[in-house]
């Protein structure tokens, strides 16, 4: 395993431990960590869907088998 990969894995483990510690303080903290994760995941999915839609829209015409409009 390269040094960069090991560093990344170590940082992710530390982040997971920190979030676990923050969530285990009391029930309100756990709920806030959960809500923050859901908001972040929802925003990431929405941005990903918009980006994928834009990419497919940009390349969608190049894969079309129909003639371009106005060619008749």
PDB file of N, CA and C in Angstrom:
ATOM      1  N   UNK A   1       0.859  -1.177   0.000  1.00  0.00           N
ATOM      2  CA  UNK A   1       0.000   0.000   0.000  1.00  0.00           C
ATOM      3  C   UNK A   1       0.899   1.232   0.000  1.00  0.00           C
ATOM      4  N   UNK A   2       0.604   2.165  -0.864  1.00  0.00           N
ATOM      5  CA  UNK A   2       1.437   3.361  -0.949  1.00  0.00           C
ATOM      6  C   UNK A   2       1.192   4.272   0.254  1.00  0.00           C
ATOM      7  N   UNK A   3       2.114   5.203   0.431  1.00  0.00           N
ATOM      8  CA  UNK A   3       2.032   6.113   1.569  1.00  0.00           C
ATOM      9  C   UNK A   3       0.790   7.002   1.486  1.00  0.00           C
ATOM     10  N   UNK A   4       0.466   7.474   0.281  1.00  0.00           N
ATOM     11  CA  UNK A   4      -0.717   8.319   0.108  1.00  0.00           C
ATOM     12  C   UNK A   4      -1.998   7.593   0.431  1.00  0.00           C
ATOM     13  N   UNK A   5      -2.094   6.336   0.012  1.00  0.00           N
ATOM     14  CA  UNK A   5      -3.298   5.547   0.287  1.00  0.00           C
ATOM     15  C   UNK A   5      -3.422   5.274   1.778  1.00  0.00           C
ATOM     16  N   UNK A   6      -2.294   4.946   2.414  1.00  0.00           N
ATOM     17  CA  UNK A   6      -2.336   4.689   3.850  1.00  0.00           C
ATOM     18  C   UNK A   6      -2.756   5.933   4.614  1.00  0.00           C
ATOM     19  N   UNK A   7      -2.265   7.094   4.186  1.00  0.00           N
ATOM     20  CA  UNK A   7      -2.637   8.351   4.837  1.00  0.00           C
ATOM     21  C   UNK A   7      -4.135   8.590   4.710  1.00  0.00           C
ATOM     22  N   UNK A   8      -4.692   8.345   3.515  1.00  0.00           N
ATOM     23  CA  UNK A   8      -6.123   8.566   3.294  1.00  0.00           C
ATOM     24  C   UNK A   8      -6.954   7.634   4.171  1.00  0.00           C
ATOM     25  N   UNK A   9      -6.571   6.368   4.229  1.00  0.00           N
ATOM     26  CA  UNK A   9      -7.309   5.403   5.057  1.00  0.00           C
ATOM     27  C   UNK A   9      -7.227   5.807   6.524  1.00  0.00           C
ATOM     28  N   UNK A  10      -6.061   6.239   6.957  1.00  0.00           N
ATOM     29  CA  UNK A  10      -5.890   6.676   8.348  1.00  0.00           C
ATOM     30  C   UNK A  10      -6.774   7.882   8.659  1.00  0.00           C
ATOM     31  N   UNK A  11      -6.822   8.843   7.743  1.00  0.00           N
ATOM     32  CA  UNK A  11      -7.664  10.032   7.950  1.00  0.00           C
ATOM     33  C   UNK A  11      -9.146   9.664   7.984  1.00  0.00           C
ATOM     34  N   UNK A  12      -9.569   8.744   7.122  1.00  0.00           N
ATOM     35  CA  UNK A  12     -10.975   8.321   7.120  1.00  0.00           C
ATOM     36  C   UNK A  12     -11.332   7.596   8.410  1.00  0.00           C
ATOM     37  N   UNK A  13     -10.420   6.784   8.922  1.00  0.00           N
ATOM     38  CA  UNK A  13     -10.669   6.108  10.193  1.00  0.00           C
ATOM     39  C   UNK A  13     -10.778   7.112  11.337  1.00  0.00           C
ATOM     40  N   UNK A  14      -9.913   8.107  11.327  1.00  0.00           N
ATOM     41  CA  UNK A  14      -9.956   9.137  12.359  1.00  0.00           C
ATOM     42  C   UNK A  14     -11.262   9.930  12.279  1.00  0.00           C
ATOM     43  N   UNK A  15     -11.696  10.255  11.051  1.00  0.00           N
ATOM     44  CA  UNK A  15     -12.955  10.988  10.887  1.00  0.00           C
ATOM     45  C   UNK A  15     -14.133  10.154  11.378  1.00  0.00           C
ATOM     46  N   UNK A  16     -14.147   8.863  11.068  1.00  0.00           N
ATOM     47  CA  UNK A  16     -15.238   7.992  11.525  1.00  0.00           C
ATOM     48  C   UNK A  16     -15.271   7.909  13.044  1.00  0.00           C
ATOM     49  N   UNK A  17     -14.096   7.803  13.662  1.00  0.00           N
ATOM     50  CA  UNK A  17     -14.040   7.768  15.127  1.00  0.00           C
ATOM     51  C   UNK A  17     -14.532   9.081  15.730  1.00  0.00           C
ATOM     52  N   UNK A  18     -14.177  10.195  15.111  1.00  0.00           N
ATOM     53  CA  UNK A  18     -14.607  11.504  15.620  1.00  0.00           C
ATOM     54  C   UNK A  18     -16.122  11.668  15.513  1.00  0.00           C
ATOM     55  N   UNK A  19     -16.689  11.262  14.379  1.00  0.00           N
ATOM     56  CA  UNK A  19     -18.150  11.336  14.234  1.00  0.00           C
ATOM     57  C   UNK A  19     -18.838  10.383  15.198  1.00  0.00           C
ATOM     58  N   UNK A  20     -18.264   9.223  15.416  1.00  0.00           N
ATOM     59  CA  UNK A  20     -18.833   8.280  16.380  1.00  0.00           C
ATOM     60  C   UNK A  20     -18.823   8.833  17.783  1.00  0.00           C
ATOM     61  N   UNK A  21     -17.732   9.479  18.143  1.00  0.00           N
ATOM     62  CA  UNK A  21     -17.646  10.102  19.468  1.00  0.00           C
ATOM     63  C   UNK A  21     -18.657  11.229  19.607  1.00  0.00           C
ATOM     64  N   UNK A  22     -18.780  12.050  18.572  1.00  0.00           N
ATOM     65  CA  UNK A  22     -19.739  13.162  18.624  1.00  0.00           C
ATOM     66  C   UNK A  22     -21.172  12.649  18.702  1.00  0.00           C
ATOM     67  N   UNK A  23     -21.472  11.572  18.007  1.00  0.00           N
ATOM     68  CA  UNK A  23     -22.840  11.046  17.995  1.00  0.00           C
ATOM     69  C   UNK A  23     -23.188  10.329  19.292  1.00  0.00           C
ATOM     70  N   UNK A  24     -22.185   9.855  20.026  1.00  0.00           N
ATOM     71  CA  UNK A  24     -22.478   9.083  21.233  1.00  0.00           C
ATOM     72  C   UNK A  24     -22.568   9.928  22.504  1.00  0.00           C
ATOM     73  N   UNK A  25     -22.449  11.245  22.364  1.00  0.00           N
ATOM     74  CA  UNK A  25     -22.499  12.105  23.551  1.00  0.00           C
ATOM     75  C   UNK A  25     -23.902  12.108  24.148  1.00  0.00           C
ATOM     76  N   UNK A  26     -24.906  12.384  23.341  1.00  0.00           N
ATOM     77  CA  UNK A  26     -26.293  12.331  23.792  1.00  0.00           C
ATOM     78  C   UNK A  26     -27.196  12.115  22.574  1.00  0.00           C
ATOM     79  N   UNK A  27     -28.478  11.826  22.797  1.00  0.00           N
ATOM     80  CA  UNK A  27     -29.368  11.535  21.675  1.00  0.00           C
ATOM     81  C   UNK A  27     -29.529  12.700  20.696  1.00  0.00           C
ATOM     82  N   UNK A  28     -29.498  13.924  21.180  1.00  0.00           N
ATOM     83  CA  UNK A  28     -29.623  15.068  20.291  1.00  0.00           C
ATOM     84  C   UNK A  28     -28.424  15.150  19.341  1.00  0.00           C
ATOM     85  N   UNK A  29     -27.245  14.878  19.850  1.00  0.00           N
ATOM     86  CA  UNK A  29     -26.052  14.885  19.004  1.00  0.00           C
ATOM     87  C   UNK A  29     -26.142  13.802  17.936  1.00  0.00           C
ATOM     88  N   UNK A  30     -26.628  12.642  18.319  1.00  0.00           N
ATOM     89  CA  UNK A  30     -26.787  11.554  17.352  1.00  0.00           C
ATOM     90  C   UNK A  30     -27.785  11.943  16.262  1.00  0.00           C
ATOM     91  N   UNK A  31     -28.874  12.571  16.656  1.00  0.00           N
ATOM     92  CA  UNK A  31     -29.880  12.995  15.672  1.00  0.00           C
ATOM     93  C   UNK A  31     -29.312  14.061  14.737  1.00  0.00           C
ATOM     94  N   UNK A  32     -28.546  14.991  15.281  1.00  0.00           N
ATOM     95  CA  UNK A  32     -27.962  16.045  14.441  1.00  0.00           C
ATOM     96  C   UNK A  32     -26.923  15.486  13.471  1.00  0.00           C
ATOM     97  N   UNK A  33     -26.114  14.519  13.923  1.00  0.00           N
ATOM     98  CA  UNK A  33     -25.146  13.884  13.026  1.00  0.00           C
ATOM     99  C   UNK A  33     -25.887  13.138  11.924  1.00  0.00           C
ATOM    100  N   UNK A  34     -26.958  12.436  12.268  1.00  0.00           N
ATOM    101  CA  UNK A  34     -27.747  11.702  11.278  1.00  0.00           C
ATOM    102  C   UNK A  34     -28.398  12.650  10.273  1.00  0.00           C
ATOM    103  N   UNK A  35     -29.006  13.720  10.754  1.00  0.00           N
ATOM    104  CA  UNK A  35     -29.652  14.692   9.857  1.00  0.00           C
ATOM    105  C   UNK A  35     -28.613  15.358   8.956  1.00  0.00           C
ATOM    106  N   UNK A  36     -27.461  15.687   9.495  1.00  0.00           N
ATOM    107  CA  UNK A  36     -26.397  16.274   8.681  1.00  0.00           C
ATOM    108  C   UNK A  36     -25.932  15.326   7.593  1.00  0.00           C
ATOM    109  N   UNK A  37     -25.818  14.057   7.924  1.00  0.00           N
ATOM    110  CA  UNK A  37     -25.441  13.056   6.922  1.00  0.00           C
ATOM    111  C   UNK A  37     -26.484  12.905   5.841  1.00  0.00           C
ATOM    112  N   UNK A  38     -27.763  12.920   6.236  1.00  0.00           N
ATOM    113  CA  UNK A  38     -28.838  12.802   5.245  1.00  0.00           C
ATOM    114  C   UNK A  38     -28.896  14.015   4.321  1.00  0.00           C
ATOM    115  N   UNK A  39     -28.713  15.206   4.884  1.00  0.00           N
ATOM    116  CA  UNK A  39     -28.713  16.417   4.062  1.00  0.00           C
ATOM    117  C   UNK A  39     -27.546  16.392   3.081  1.00  0.00           C
ATOM    118  N   UNK A  40     -26.370  15.994   3.568  1.00  0.00           N
ATOM    119  CA  UNK A  40     -25.190  15.927   2.705  1.00  0.00           C
ATOM    120  C   UNK A  40     -25.376  14.884   1.602  1.00  0.00           C
ATOM    121  N   UNK A  41     -25.896  13.714   1.952  1.00  0.00           N
ATOM    122  CA  UNK A  41     -26.119  12.672   0.946  1.00  0.00           C
ATOM    123  C   UNK A  41     -27.166  13.115  -0.070  1.00  0.00           C
ATOM    124  N   UNK A  42     -28.231  13.760   0.384  1.00  0.00           N
ATOM    125  CA  UNK A  42     -29.263  14.231  -0.544  1.00  0.00           C
ATOM    126  C   UNK A  42     -28.740  15.279  -1.503  1.00  0.00           C
ATOM    127  N   UNK A  43     -27.940  16.206  -0.988  1.00  0.00           N
ATOM    128  CA  UNK A  43     -27.362  17.233  -1.857  1.00  0.00           C
ATOM    129  C   UNK A  43     -26.392  16.620  -2.860  1.00  0.00           C
ATOM    130  N   UNK A  44     -25.621  15.638  -2.424  1.00  0.00           N
ATOM    131  CA  UNK A  44     -24.688  14.969  -3.340  1.00  0.00           C
ATOM    132  C   UNK A  44     -25.432  14.215  -4.434  1.00  0.00           C
ATOM    133  N   UNK A  45     -26.495  13.538  -4.072  1.00  0.00           N
ATOM    134  CA  UNK A  45     -27.293  12.812  -5.071  1.00  0.00           C
ATOM    135  C   UNK A  45     -27.964  13.773  -6.049  1.00  0.00           C
ATOM    136  N   UNK A  46     -28.483  14.877  -5.548  1.00  0.00           N
ATOM    137  CA  UNK A  46     -29.129  15.851  -6.432  1.00  0.00           C
ATOM    138  C   UNK A  46     -28.118  16.459  -7.402  1.00  0.00           C
ATOM    139  N   UNK A  47     -26.936  16.834  -6.900  1.00  0.00           N
ATOM    140  CA  UNK A  47     -25.914  17.392  -7.772  1.00  0.00           C
ATOM    141  C   UNK A  47     -25.450  16.351  -8.788  1.00  0.00           C
ATOM    142  N   UNK A  48     -25.290  15.116  -8.356  1.00  0.00           N
ATOM    143  CA  UNK A  48     -24.887  14.047  -9.269  1.00  0.00           C
ATOM    144  C   UNK A  48     -25.918  13.816 -10.360  1.00  0.00           C
ATOM    145  N   UNK A  49     -27.193  13.858 -10.003  1.00  0.00           N
ATOM    146  CA  UNK A  49     -28.250  13.676 -11.005  1.00  0.00           C
ATOM    147  C   UNK A  49     -28.261  14.832 -12.004  1.00  0.00           C
ATOM    148  N   UNK A  50     -28.072  16.052 -11.512  1.00  0.00           N
ATOM    149  CA  UNK A  50     -28.027  17.204 -12.416  1.00  0.00           C
ATOM    150  C   UNK A  50     -26.807  17.139 -13.340  1.00  0.00           C
ATOM    151  N   UNK A  51     -25.666  16.753 -12.792  1.00  0.00           N
ATOM    152  CA  UNK A  51     -24.459  16.645 -13.606  1.00  0.00           C
ATOM    153  C   UNK A  51     -24.604  15.547 -14.653  1.00  0.00           C
ATOM    154  N   UNK A  52     -25.146  14.404 -14.259  1.00  0.00           N
ATOM    155  CA  UNK A  52     -25.363  13.307 -15.210  1.00  0.00           C
ATOM    156  C   UNK A  52     -26.352  13.718 -16.288  1.00  0.00           C
ATOM    157  N   UNK A  53     -27.408  14.416 -15.908  1.00  0.00           N
ATOM    158  CA  UNK A  53     -28.375  14.905 -16.897  1.00  0.00           C
ATOM    159  C   UNK A  53     -27.743  15.867 -17.879  1.00  0.00           C
ATOM    160  N   UNK A  54     -26.879  16.745 -17.397  1.00  0.00           N
ATOM    161  CA  UNK A  54     -26.192  17.679 -18.283  1.00  0.00           C
ATOM    162  C   UNK A  54     -25.246  16.971 -19.238  1.00  0.00           C
ATOM    163  N   UNK A  55     -24.535  15.979 -18.732  1.00  0.00           N
ATOM    164  CA  UNK A  55     -23.620  15.217 -19.587  1.00  0.00           C
ATOM    165  C   UNK A  55     -24.394  14.442 -20.645  1.00  0.00           C
ATOM    166  N   UNK A  56     -25.463  13.783 -20.230  1.00  0.00           N
ATOM    167  CA  UNK A  56     -26.265  13.027 -21.198  1.00  0.00           C
ATOM    168  C   UNK A  56     -26.930  13.948 -22.211  1.00  0.00           C
ATOM    169  N   UNK A  57     -27.343  15.138 -21.782  1.00  0.00           N
ATOM    170  CA  UNK A  57     -27.946  16.091 -22.699  1.00  0.00           C
ATOM    171  C   UNK A  57     -26.922  16.593 -23.719  1.00  0.00           C
ATOM    172  N   UNK A  58     -25.702  16.808 -23.271  1.00  0.00           N
ATOM    173  CA  UNK A  58     -24.656  17.310 -24.174  1.00  0.00           C
ATOM    174  C   UNK A  58     -24.266  16.262 -25.209  1.00  0.00           C
ATOM    175  N   UNK A  59     -24.204  15.002 -24.800  1.00  0.00           N
ATOM    176  CA  UNK A  59     -23.796  13.942 -25.712  1.00  0.00           C
ATOM    177  C   UNK A  59     -24.970  13.186 -26.310  1.00  0.00           C
ATOM    178  N   UNK A  60     -26.173  13.530 -25.906  1.00  0.00           N
ATOM    179  CA  UNK A  60     -27.350  12.794 -26.366  1.00  0.00           C
ATOM    180  C   UNK A  60     -27.582  12.903 -27.860  1.00  0.00           C
ATOM    181  N   UNK A  61     -27.321  14.065 -28.458  1.00  0.00           N
ATOM    182  CA  UNK A  61     -27.566  14.240 -29.884  1.00  0.00           C
ATOM    183  C   UNK A  61     -26.569  13.477 -30.741  1.00  0.00           C
ATOM    184  N   UNK A  62     -25.374  13.230 -30.250  1.00  0.00           N
ATOM    185  CA  UNK A  62     -24.366  12.547 -31.054  1.00  0.00           C
ATOM    186  C   UNK A  62     -24.667  11.062 -31.196  1.00  0.00           C
ATOM    187  N   UNK A  63     -25.514  10.511 -30.332  1.00  0.00           N
ATOM    188  CA  UNK A  63     -25.862   9.092 -30.416  1.00  0.00           C
ATOM    189  C   UNK A  63     -27.213   8.871 -31.080  1.00  0.00           C
ATOM    190  N   UNK A  64     -27.844   9.917 -31.519  1.00  0.00           N
ATOM    191  CA  UNK A  64     -29.182   9.818 -32.095  1.00  0.00           C
ATOM    192  C   UNK A  64     -29.101   9.255 -33.502  1.00  0.00           C
ATOM    193  N   UNK A  65     -30.085   8.442 -33.881  1.00  0.00           N
ATOM    194  CA  UNK A  65     -30.151   7.859 -35.224  1.00  0.00           C
ATOM    195  C   UNK A  65     -31.083   8.651 -36.132  1.00  0.00           C
ATOM    196  N   UNK A  66     -31.841   9.569 -35.574  1.00  0.00           N
ATOM    197  CA  UNK A  66     -32.784  10.335 -36.373  1.00  0.00           C
ATOM    198  C   UNK A  66     -32.062  11.489 -37.057  1.00  0.00           C
ATOM    199  N   UNK A  67     -32.563  11.924 -38.219  1.00  0.00           N
ATOM    200  CA  UNK A  67     -31.924  13.048 -38.894  1.00  0.00           C
ATOM    201  C   UNK A  67     -32.138  14.338 -38.113  1.00  0.00           C
ATOM    202  N   UNK A  68     -31.266  15.303 -38.283  1.00  0.00           N
ATOM    203  CA  UNK A  68     -31.431  16.558 -37.558  1.00  0.00           C
ATOM    204  C   UNK A  68     -32.694  17.283 -37.984  1.00  0.00           C
ATOM    205  N   UNK A  69     -33.286  18.072 -37.115  1.00  0.00           N
ATOM    206  CA  UNK A  69     -34.510  18.807 -37.480  1.00  0.00           C
ATOM    207  C   UNK A  69     -34.243  19.775 -38.626  1.00  0.00           C
ATOM    208  N   UNK A  70     -35.190  19.872 -39.514  1.00  0.00           N
ATOM    209  CA  UNK A  70     -35.096  20.800 -40.635  1.00  0.00           C
ATOM    210  C   UNK A  70     -34.328  20.241 -41.824  1.00  0.00           C
ATOM    211  N   UNK A  71     -33.955  18.973 -41.796  1.00  0.00           N
ATOM    212  CA  UNK A  71     -33.200  18.416 -42.919  1.00  0.00           C
ATOM    213  C   UNK A  71     -34.116  17.963 -44.060  1.00  0.00           C
ATOM    214  N   UNK A  72     -35.416  17.885 -43.829  1.00  0.00           N
ATOM    215  CA  UNK A  72     -36.358  17.450 -44.878  1.00  0.00           C
ATOM    216  C   UNK A  72     -36.798  18.584 -45.737  1.00  0.00           C
TER     217      UNK A  72
END
